[in-house]
Amino acid sequence: MMLGWRARIGQMRPATAIEGAEEWRSVAPVGVAFADARTIVPRVDEEGLKVMMSQVLEASRQLATAKVDLIVQCGAPGTFLRGVGHDEEVCAQIEAETGIPAITMMAAQMDALKALGATSIAVATIYSDEVNEKMGAFMEAKGFKIASMLGLQITDPFDASVHDADSAYRLGKQAFKAAGKCDAILISCGTYRTFPILPYLEMDTGAAVVSSNQATLWRALRAVGLKDQIPNLGKLWYAA
């Protein structure tokens, strides 16, 4: 039987971000397969992310050769740094280049928060304050209230992989406490492993938890028409 007989999803990720691709494969529904393409990110700052985004169309062409049903641009800062509307612009460029529908990680995170009915958000990221400021402005323009925002101040993309799921749990909980009150916790970075801690962070805080890899996998499956509910990956899967 051919791999991906239900859906073939193409994911482009920073070359250092092996964690996100492996998280997806660890919970892949039956009949779903992933094709990978990589981009180089010199630094997680405005100039480095411009370099990443300059490789998006080439990565899309690579994924198109695998006859995927959907192309997913992973690397949320690559789109939010340029403000509202850039997600749609990137997707349109990918679709024009390949004829294949596309989504972005940042838009998937926003869709996930909306699906949960969350408006007040505690945000935890690996990013610097400079990048977080841009992210906060983007989210506020989308109608969300930033209840708190904490970042690990990482600019070397490889360093993000050193921080494992326990770090994501602690940072998410710190952001929740700093917020005082919020509807949801957003943990943003596709290199940040979060799948093992999602149900525990929700249980220990009472808030819904959205993470980059969780939200983007959810959005990708829904985009190709699959309604799988993956257990132990948070309330999101049962919201929509």
C-alpha atoms as a PDB file:
ATOM      1  CA  MET A   1       0.000   0.000   0.000  1.00  0.00           C
ATOM      2  CA  MET A   2       1.308   3.434  -0.935  1.00  0.00           C
ATOM      3  CA  LEU A   3       2.436   5.657   1.925  1.00  0.00           C
ATOM      4  CA  GLY A   4       0.066   8.549   2.460  1.00  0.00           C
ATOM      5  CA  TRP A   5      -2.977   6.809   1.012  1.00  0.00           C
ATOM      6  CA  ARG A   6      -5.245   9.156   2.975  1.00  0.00           C
ATOM      7  CA  ALA A   7      -3.086  12.273   2.738  1.00  0.00           C
ATOM      8  CA  ARG A   8       0.441  13.331   1.808  1.00  0.00           C
ATOM      9  CA  ILE A   9       1.524  16.509   3.592  1.00  0.00           C
ATOM     10  CA  GLY A  10       4.639  18.470   2.690  1.00  0.00           C
ATOM     11  CA  GLN A  11       6.377  20.317   5.508  1.00  0.00           C
ATOM     12  CA  MET A  12       9.160  22.863   5.057  1.00  0.00           C
ATOM     13  CA  ARG A  13      11.132  23.513   8.219  1.00  0.00           C
ATOM     14  CA  PRO A  14      14.402  25.130   9.253  1.00  0.00           C
ATOM     15  CA  ALA A  15      17.273  22.687   8.779  1.00  0.00           C
ATOM     16  CA  THR A  16      17.951  22.646  12.523  1.00  0.00           C
ATOM     17  CA  ALA A  17      14.334  21.877  13.441  1.00  0.00           C
ATOM     18  CA  ILE A  18      14.284  18.079  13.414  1.00  0.00           C
ATOM     19  CA  GLU A  19      12.123  17.976  16.552  1.00  0.00           C
ATOM     20  CA  GLY A  20       8.940  19.230  14.895  1.00  0.00           C
ATOM     21  CA  ALA A  21       9.076  16.766  12.025  1.00  0.00           C
ATOM     22  CA  GLU A  22       9.643  13.894  14.435  1.00  0.00           C
ATOM     23  CA  GLU A  23       6.799  15.022  16.696  1.00  0.00           C
ATOM     24  CA  TRP A  24       4.447  14.878  13.724  1.00  0.00           C
ATOM     25  CA  ARG A  25       5.618  11.414  12.727  1.00  0.00           C
ATOM     26  CA  SER A  26       5.274  10.139  16.286  1.00  0.00           C
ATOM     27  CA  VAL A  27       1.502  10.709  16.226  1.00  0.00           C
ATOM     28  CA  ALA A  28       0.717  10.472  12.506  1.00  0.00           C
ATOM     29  CA  PRO A  29      -2.762   9.069  11.860  1.00  0.00           C
ATOM     30  CA  VAL A  30      -3.006   5.877   9.840  1.00  0.00           C
ATOM     31  CA  GLY A  31      -2.614   6.605   6.141  1.00  0.00           C
ATOM     32  CA  VAL A  32      -0.947  10.005   6.572  1.00  0.00           C
ATOM     33  CA  ALA A  33       2.636  10.555   5.388  1.00  0.00           C
ATOM     34  CA  PHE A  34       4.939  13.563   5.429  1.00  0.00           C
ATOM     35  CA  ALA A  35       7.475  14.810   2.892  1.00  0.00           C
ATOM     36  CA  ASP A  36      10.210  17.150   4.135  1.00  0.00           C
ATOM     37  CA  ALA A  37      12.061  20.141   2.721  1.00  0.00           C
ATOM     38  CA  ARG A  38      14.521  22.293   4.624  1.00  0.00           C
ATOM     39  CA  THR A  39      15.481  25.950   4.754  1.00  0.00           C
ATOM     40  CA  ILE A  40      18.573  27.544   6.262  1.00  0.00           C
ATOM     41  CA  VAL A  41      18.066  30.065   9.077  1.00  0.00           C
ATOM     42  CA  PRO A  42      21.313  31.854   9.996  1.00  0.00           C
ATOM     43  CA  ARG A  43      19.776  33.521  13.060  1.00  0.00           C
ATOM     44  CA  VAL A  44      16.350  33.907  14.622  1.00  0.00           C
ATOM     45  CA  ASP A  45      16.191  37.626  13.976  1.00  0.00           C
ATOM     46  CA  GLU A  46      14.760  39.828  11.261  1.00  0.00           C
ATOM     47  CA  GLU A  47      17.655  39.443   8.817  1.00  0.00           C
ATOM     48  CA  GLY A  48      18.064  35.717   9.410  1.00  0.00           C
ATOM     49  CA  LEU A  49      14.362  35.107   8.924  1.00  0.00           C
ATOM     50  CA  LYS A  50      14.420  37.016   5.636  1.00  0.00           C
ATOM     51  CA  VAL A  51      17.036  34.505   4.466  1.00  0.00           C
ATOM     52  CA  MET A  52      14.717  31.660   5.516  1.00  0.00           C
ATOM     53  CA  MET A  53      11.754  33.114   3.657  1.00  0.00           C
ATOM     54  CA  SER A  54      13.821  33.632   0.490  1.00  0.00           C
ATOM     55  CA  GLN A  55      14.002  29.825   0.228  1.00  0.00           C
ATOM     56  CA  VAL A  56      10.270  29.141   0.550  1.00  0.00           C
ATOM     57  CA  LEU A  57       9.480  28.763  -3.144  1.00  0.00           C
ATOM     58  CA  GLU A  58      12.434  26.447  -3.800  1.00  0.00           C
ATOM     59  CA  ALA A  59      11.375  24.301  -0.838  1.00  0.00           C
ATOM     60  CA  SER A  60       7.827  24.289  -2.208  1.00  0.00           C
ATOM     61  CA  ARG A  61       9.033  23.065  -5.590  1.00  0.00           C
ATOM     62  CA  GLN A  62      10.874  20.227  -3.868  1.00  0.00           C
ATOM     63  CA  LEU A  63       7.739  19.202  -1.977  1.00  0.00           C
ATOM     64  CA  ALA A  64       5.635  19.375  -5.121  1.00  0.00           C
ATOM     65  CA  THR A  65       7.731  16.589  -6.678  1.00  0.00           C
ATOM     66  CA  ALA A  66       6.427  14.291  -3.917  1.00  0.00           C
ATOM     67  CA  LYS A  67       2.849  14.915  -5.141  1.00  0.00           C
ATOM     68  CA  VAL A  68       1.735  16.202  -1.766  1.00  0.00           C
ATOM     69  CA  ASP A  69      -1.833  17.315  -1.102  1.00  0.00           C
ATOM     70  CA  LEU A  70      -0.814  20.293   1.046  1.00  0.00           C
ATOM     71  CA  ILE A  71       2.321  22.357   1.654  1.00  0.00           C
ATOM     72  CA  VAL A  72       2.972  23.657   5.165  1.00  0.00           C
ATOM     73  CA  GLN A  73       5.365  26.535   5.807  1.00  0.00           C
ATOM     74  CA  CYS A  74       6.788  25.985   9.294  1.00  0.00           C
ATOM     75  CA  GLY A  75       8.703  28.752  11.026  1.00  0.00           C
ATOM     76  CA  ALA A  76       6.150  31.170  12.442  1.00  0.00           C
ATOM     77  CA  PRO A  77       8.388  34.269  12.720  1.00  0.00           C
ATOM     78  CA  GLY A  78       8.998  34.167   8.980  1.00  0.00           C
ATOM     79  CA  THR A  79       5.480  35.413   8.364  1.00  0.00           C
ATOM     80  CA  PHE A  80       4.500  37.386  11.467  1.00  0.00           C
ATOM     81  CA  LEU A  81       7.554  39.661  11.245  1.00  0.00           C
ATOM     82  CA  ARG A  82       6.072  41.276   8.137  1.00  0.00           C
ATOM     83  CA  GLY A  83       2.693  41.816   9.731  1.00  0.00           C
ATOM     84  CA  VAL A  84      -0.910  40.875   9.084  1.00  0.00           C
ATOM     85  CA  GLY A  85      -1.574  39.669   5.550  1.00  0.00           C
ATOM     86  CA  HIS A  86       1.834  38.114   4.953  1.00  0.00           C
ATOM     87  CA  ASP A  87       0.615  34.579   5.742  1.00  0.00           C
ATOM     88  CA  GLU A  88      -1.953  34.865   2.980  1.00  0.00           C
ATOM     89  CA  GLU A  89       0.650  36.333   0.619  1.00  0.00           C
ATOM     90  CA  VAL A  90       3.074  33.453   1.228  1.00  0.00           C
ATOM     91  CA  CYS A  91       0.342  30.859   0.714  1.00  0.00           C
ATOM     92  CA  ALA A  92      -0.735  32.521  -2.529  1.00  0.00           C
ATOM     93  CA  GLN A  93       2.861  32.501  -3.800  1.00  0.00           C
ATOM     94  CA  ILE A  94       3.276  28.811  -2.979  1.00  0.00           C
ATOM     95  CA  GLU A  95      -0.008  27.912  -4.645  1.00  0.00           C
ATOM     96  CA  ALA A  96       0.860  29.950  -7.751  1.00  0.00           C
ATOM     97  CA  GLU A  97       4.255  28.239  -7.961  1.00  0.00           C
ATOM     98  CA  THR A  98       3.085  24.657  -7.392  1.00  0.00           C
ATOM     99  CA  GLY A  99      -0.686  24.473  -7.820  1.00  0.00           C
ATOM    100  CA  ILE A 100      -0.871  22.958  -4.328  1.00  0.00           C
ATOM    101  CA  PRO A 101      -2.787  24.515  -1.393  1.00  0.00           C
ATOM    102  CA  ALA A 102      -0.642  25.893   1.426  1.00  0.00           C
ATOM    103  CA  ILE A 103      -0.897  26.937   5.059  1.00  0.00           C
ATOM    104  CA  THR A 104       1.544  28.589   7.462  1.00  0.00           C
ATOM    105  CA  MET A 105       2.466  27.766  11.040  1.00  0.00           C
ATOM    106  CA  MET A 106       1.602  31.232  12.328  1.00  0.00           C
ATOM    107  CA  ALA A 107      -1.849  31.210  10.754  1.00  0.00           C
ATOM    108  CA  ALA A 108      -2.429  27.708  12.144  1.00  0.00           C
ATOM    109  CA  GLN A 109      -1.666  28.937  15.666  1.00  0.00           C
ATOM    110  CA  MET A 110      -4.144  31.794  15.272  1.00  0.00           C
ATOM    111  CA  ASP A 111      -6.784  29.412  13.879  1.00  0.00           C
ATOM    112  CA  ALA A 112      -6.252  27.084  16.839  1.00  0.00           C
ATOM    113  CA  LEU A 113      -6.759  29.867  19.388  1.00  0.00           C
ATOM    114  CA  LYS A 114      -9.921  30.954  17.583  1.00  0.00           C
ATOM    115  CA  ALA A 115     -11.230  27.372  17.505  1.00  0.00           C
ATOM    116  CA  LEU A 116     -10.809  27.243  21.283  1.00  0.00           C
ATOM    117  CA  GLY A 117     -12.629  30.549  21.712  1.00  0.00           C
ATOM    118  CA  ALA A 118      -9.556  32.037  23.387  1.00  0.00           C
ATOM    119  CA  THR A 119      -8.997  35.789  23.351  1.00  0.00           C
ATOM    120  CA  SER A 120      -6.631  36.439  26.287  1.00  0.00           C
ATOM    121  CA  ILE A 121      -3.346  34.615  25.706  1.00  0.00           C
ATOM    122  CA  ALA A 122      -0.239  33.863  27.785  1.00  0.00           C
ATOM    123  CA  VAL A 123       2.585  33.509  25.269  1.00  0.00           C
ATOM    124  CA  ALA A 124       5.791  31.498  25.779  1.00  0.00           C
ATOM    125  CA  THR A 125       8.448  31.414  23.049  1.00  0.00           C
ATOM    126  CA  ILE A 126      12.114  30.726  22.433  1.00  0.00           C
ATOM    127  CA  TYR A 127      12.426  34.122  20.749  1.00  0.00           C
ATOM    128  CA  SER A 128      14.178  37.353  21.713  1.00  0.00           C
ATOM    129  CA  ASP A 129      12.255  40.343  23.024  1.00  0.00           C
ATOM    130  CA  GLU A 130      12.681  41.991  19.614  1.00  0.00           C
ATOM    131  CA  VAL A 131      10.975  39.102  17.825  1.00  0.00           C
ATOM    132  CA  ASN A 132       8.366  38.713  20.575  1.00  0.00           C
ATOM    133  CA  GLU A 133       7.419  42.369  20.209  1.00  0.00           C
ATOM    134  CA  LYS A 134       6.604  41.770  16.533  1.00  0.00           C
ATOM    135  CA  MET A 135       4.650  38.640  17.397  1.00  0.00           C
ATOM    136  CA  GLY A 136       2.639  40.441  20.056  1.00  0.00           C
ATOM    137  CA  ALA A 137       1.774  43.256  17.646  1.00  0.00           C
ATOM    138  CA  PHE A 138       0.675  40.701  15.045  1.00  0.00           C
ATOM    139  CA  MET A 139      -1.562  38.881  17.511  1.00  0.00           C
ATOM    140  CA  GLU A 140      -3.105  42.093  18.790  1.00  0.00           C
ATOM    141  CA  ALA A 141      -3.866  43.115  15.207  1.00  0.00           C
ATOM    142  CA  LYS A 142      -5.654  39.764  14.902  1.00  0.00           C
ATOM    143  CA  GLY A 143      -7.837  40.624  17.897  1.00  0.00           C
ATOM    144  CA  PHE A 144      -6.044  38.772  20.699  1.00  0.00           C
ATOM    145  CA  LYS A 145      -5.064  40.255  24.052  1.00  0.00           C
ATOM    146  CA  ILE A 146      -1.522  39.414  25.179  1.00  0.00           C
ATOM    147  CA  ALA A 147      -1.910  38.618  28.881  1.00  0.00           C
ATOM    148  CA  SER A 148       1.813  37.887  29.242  1.00  0.00           C
ATOM    149  CA  MET A 149       4.770  37.110  26.984  1.00  0.00           C
ATOM    150  CA  LEU A 150       8.017  35.363  27.948  1.00  0.00           C
ATOM    151  CA  GLY A 151      10.913  34.390  25.679  1.00  0.00           C
ATOM    152  CA  LEU A 152      14.117  32.405  26.093  1.00  0.00           C
ATOM    153  CA  GLN A 153      16.093  35.039  24.118  1.00  0.00           C
ATOM    154  CA  ILE A 154      17.432  32.469  21.643  1.00  0.00           C
ATOM    155  CA  THR A 155      18.867  33.716  18.349  1.00  0.00           C
ATOM    156  CA  ASP A 156      20.953  30.674  17.320  1.00  0.00           C
ATOM    157  CA  PRO A 157      18.374  28.309  15.792  1.00  0.00           C
ATOM    158  CA  PHE A 158      20.239  25.181  16.909  1.00  0.00           C
ATOM    159  CA  ASP A 159      20.090  26.290  20.541  1.00  0.00           C
ATOM    160  CA  ALA A 160      16.312  25.892  20.487  1.00  0.00           C
ATOM    161  CA  SER A 161      16.738  22.126  20.140  1.00  0.00           C
ATOM    162  CA  VAL A 162      18.655  22.004  23.434  1.00  0.00           C
ATOM    163  CA  HIS A 163      15.503  23.046  25.302  1.00  0.00           C
ATOM    164  CA  ASP A 164      13.307  19.960  25.586  1.00  0.00           C
ATOM    165  CA  ALA A 165       9.666  19.405  26.534  1.00  0.00           C
ATOM    166  CA  ASP A 166      10.289  19.958  30.249  1.00  0.00           C
ATOM    167  CA  SER A 167      11.523  23.458  29.396  1.00  0.00           C
ATOM    168  CA  ALA A 168       8.343  24.099  27.403  1.00  0.00           C
ATOM    169  CA  TYR A 169       6.247  23.015  30.386  1.00  0.00           C
ATOM    170  CA  ARG A 170       8.096  25.307  32.789  1.00  0.00           C
ATOM    171  CA  LEU A 171       8.059  28.304  30.463  1.00  0.00           C
ATOM    172  CA  GLY A 172       4.381  27.814  29.668  1.00  0.00           C
ATOM    173  CA  LYS A 173       3.552  27.635  33.362  1.00  0.00           C
ATOM    174  CA  GLN A 174       5.597  30.767  34.071  1.00  0.00           C
ATOM    175  CA  ALA A 175       3.741  32.639  31.329  1.00  0.00           C
ATOM    176  CA  PHE A 176       0.432  31.451  32.775  1.00  0.00           C
ATOM    177  CA  LYS A 177       1.359  32.683  36.259  1.00  0.00           C
ATOM    178  CA  ALA A 178       2.588  36.004  34.874  1.00  0.00           C
ATOM    179  CA  ALA A 179      -0.730  36.489  33.081  1.00  0.00           C
ATOM    180  CA  GLY A 180      -2.762  36.188  36.260  1.00  0.00           C
ATOM    181  CA  LYS A 181      -5.728  35.177  34.147  1.00  0.00           C
ATOM    182  CA  CYS A 182      -5.948  33.985  30.543  1.00  0.00           C
ATOM    183  CA  ASP A 183      -7.974  31.744  28.242  1.00  0.00           C
ATOM    184  CA  ALA A 184      -5.051  29.875  26.697  1.00  0.00           C
ATOM    185  CA  ILE A 185      -1.303  29.390  26.725  1.00  0.00           C
ATOM    186  CA  LEU A 186       0.521  29.592  23.384  1.00  0.00           C
ATOM    187  CA  ILE A 187       3.963  27.952  23.175  1.00  0.00           C
ATOM    188  CA  SER A 188       5.495  29.137  19.930  1.00  0.00           C
ATOM    189  CA  CYS A 189       8.445  27.545  18.133  1.00  0.00           C
ATOM    190  CA  GLY A 190       8.435  24.539  15.826  1.00  0.00           C
ATOM    191  CA  THR A 191      11.750  23.337  17.276  1.00  0.00           C
ATOM    192  CA  TYR A 192      10.314  23.268  20.800  1.00  0.00           C
ATOM    193  CA  ARG A 193       9.097  19.757  21.698  1.00  0.00           C
ATOM    194  CA  THR A 194       5.742  20.020  23.442  1.00  0.00           C
ATOM    195  CA  PHE A 195       3.690  16.899  22.721  1.00  0.00           C
ATOM    196  CA  PRO A 196       4.646  15.029  25.945  1.00  0.00           C
ATOM    197  CA  ILE A 197       3.612  17.930  28.201  1.00  0.00           C
ATOM    198  CA  LEU A 198       0.435  19.277  26.594  1.00  0.00           C
ATOM    199  CA  PRO A 199      -2.128  17.339  28.678  1.00  0.00           C
ATOM    200  CA  TYR A 200      -0.208  17.991  31.900  1.00  0.00           C
ATOM    201  CA  LEU A 201       0.129  21.728  31.334  1.00  0.00           C
ATOM    202  CA  GLU A 202      -3.599  21.920  30.611  1.00  0.00           C
ATOM    203  CA  MET A 203      -4.388  19.855  33.710  1.00  0.00           C
ATOM    204  CA  ASP A 204      -2.069  21.862  35.965  1.00  0.00           C
ATOM    205  CA  THR A 205      -3.234  25.309  34.813  1.00  0.00           C
ATOM    206  CA  GLY A 206      -6.828  24.759  33.706  1.00  0.00           C
ATOM    207  CA  ALA A 207      -6.083  26.713  30.516  1.00  0.00           C
ATOM    208  CA  ALA A 208      -6.158  25.398  26.974  1.00  0.00           C
ATOM    209  CA  VAL A 209      -2.661  24.967  25.540  1.00  0.00           C
ATOM    210  CA  VAL A 210      -1.683  25.558  21.927  1.00  0.00           C
ATOM    211  CA  SER A 211       1.791  24.802  20.599  1.00  0.00           C
ATOM    212  CA  SER A 212       3.301  25.368  17.171  1.00  0.00           C
ATOM    213  CA  ASN A 213       3.595  21.726  16.131  1.00  0.00           C
ATOM    214  CA  GLN A 214       0.273  20.694  17.662  1.00  0.00           C
ATOM    215  CA  ALA A 215      -1.690  23.549  16.070  1.00  0.00           C
ATOM    216  CA  THR A 216      -0.058  23.177  12.672  1.00  0.00           C
ATOM    217  CA  LEU A 217      -0.606  19.419  12.519  1.00  0.00           C
ATOM    218  CA  TRP A 218      -4.250  19.954  13.538  1.00  0.00           C
ATOM    219  CA  ARG A 219      -4.720  22.617  10.880  1.00  0.00           C
ATOM    220  CA  ALA A 220      -2.971  20.529   8.214  1.00  0.00           C
ATOM    221  CA  LEU A 221      -5.154  17.491   8.839  1.00  0.00           C
ATOM    222  CA  ARG A 222      -8.307  19.593   8.771  1.00  0.00           C
ATOM    223  CA  ALA A 223      -7.115  21.289   5.563  1.00  0.00           C
ATOM    224  CA  VAL A 224      -6.908  17.922   3.779  1.00  0.00           C
ATOM    225  CA  GLY A 225     -10.325  16.901   5.072  1.00  0.00           C
ATOM    226  CA  LEU A 226      -9.302  14.552   7.890  1.00  0.00           C
ATOM    227  CA  LYS A 227     -11.156  14.712  11.203  1.00  0.00           C
ATOM    228  CA  ASP A 228      -8.849  12.543  13.326  1.00  0.00           C
ATOM    229  CA  GLN A 229      -8.782  13.384  17.026  1.00  0.00           C
ATOM    230  CA  ILE A 230      -5.301  12.627  18.324  1.00  0.00           C
ATOM    231  CA  PRO A 231      -5.432  11.722  22.039  1.00  0.00           C
ATOM    232  CA  ASN A 232      -3.262  13.402  24.679  1.00  0.00           C
ATOM    233  CA  LEU A 233      -2.486  16.410  22.489  1.00  0.00           C
ATOM    234  CA  GLY A 234      -4.726  18.937  24.185  1.00  0.00           C
ATOM    235  CA  LYS A 235      -8.272  20.248  24.043  1.00  0.00           C
ATOM    236  CA  LEU A 236      -7.765  21.620  20.546  1.00  0.00           C
ATOM    237  CA  TRP A 237      -8.425  18.293  18.837  1.00  0.00           C
ATOM    238  CA  TYR A 238     -11.907  18.117  20.294  1.00  0.00           C
ATOM    239  CA  ALA A 239     -12.772  21.774  19.640  1.00  0.00           C
ATOM    240  CA  ALA A 240     -12.902  21.558  15.847  1.00  0.00           C
END
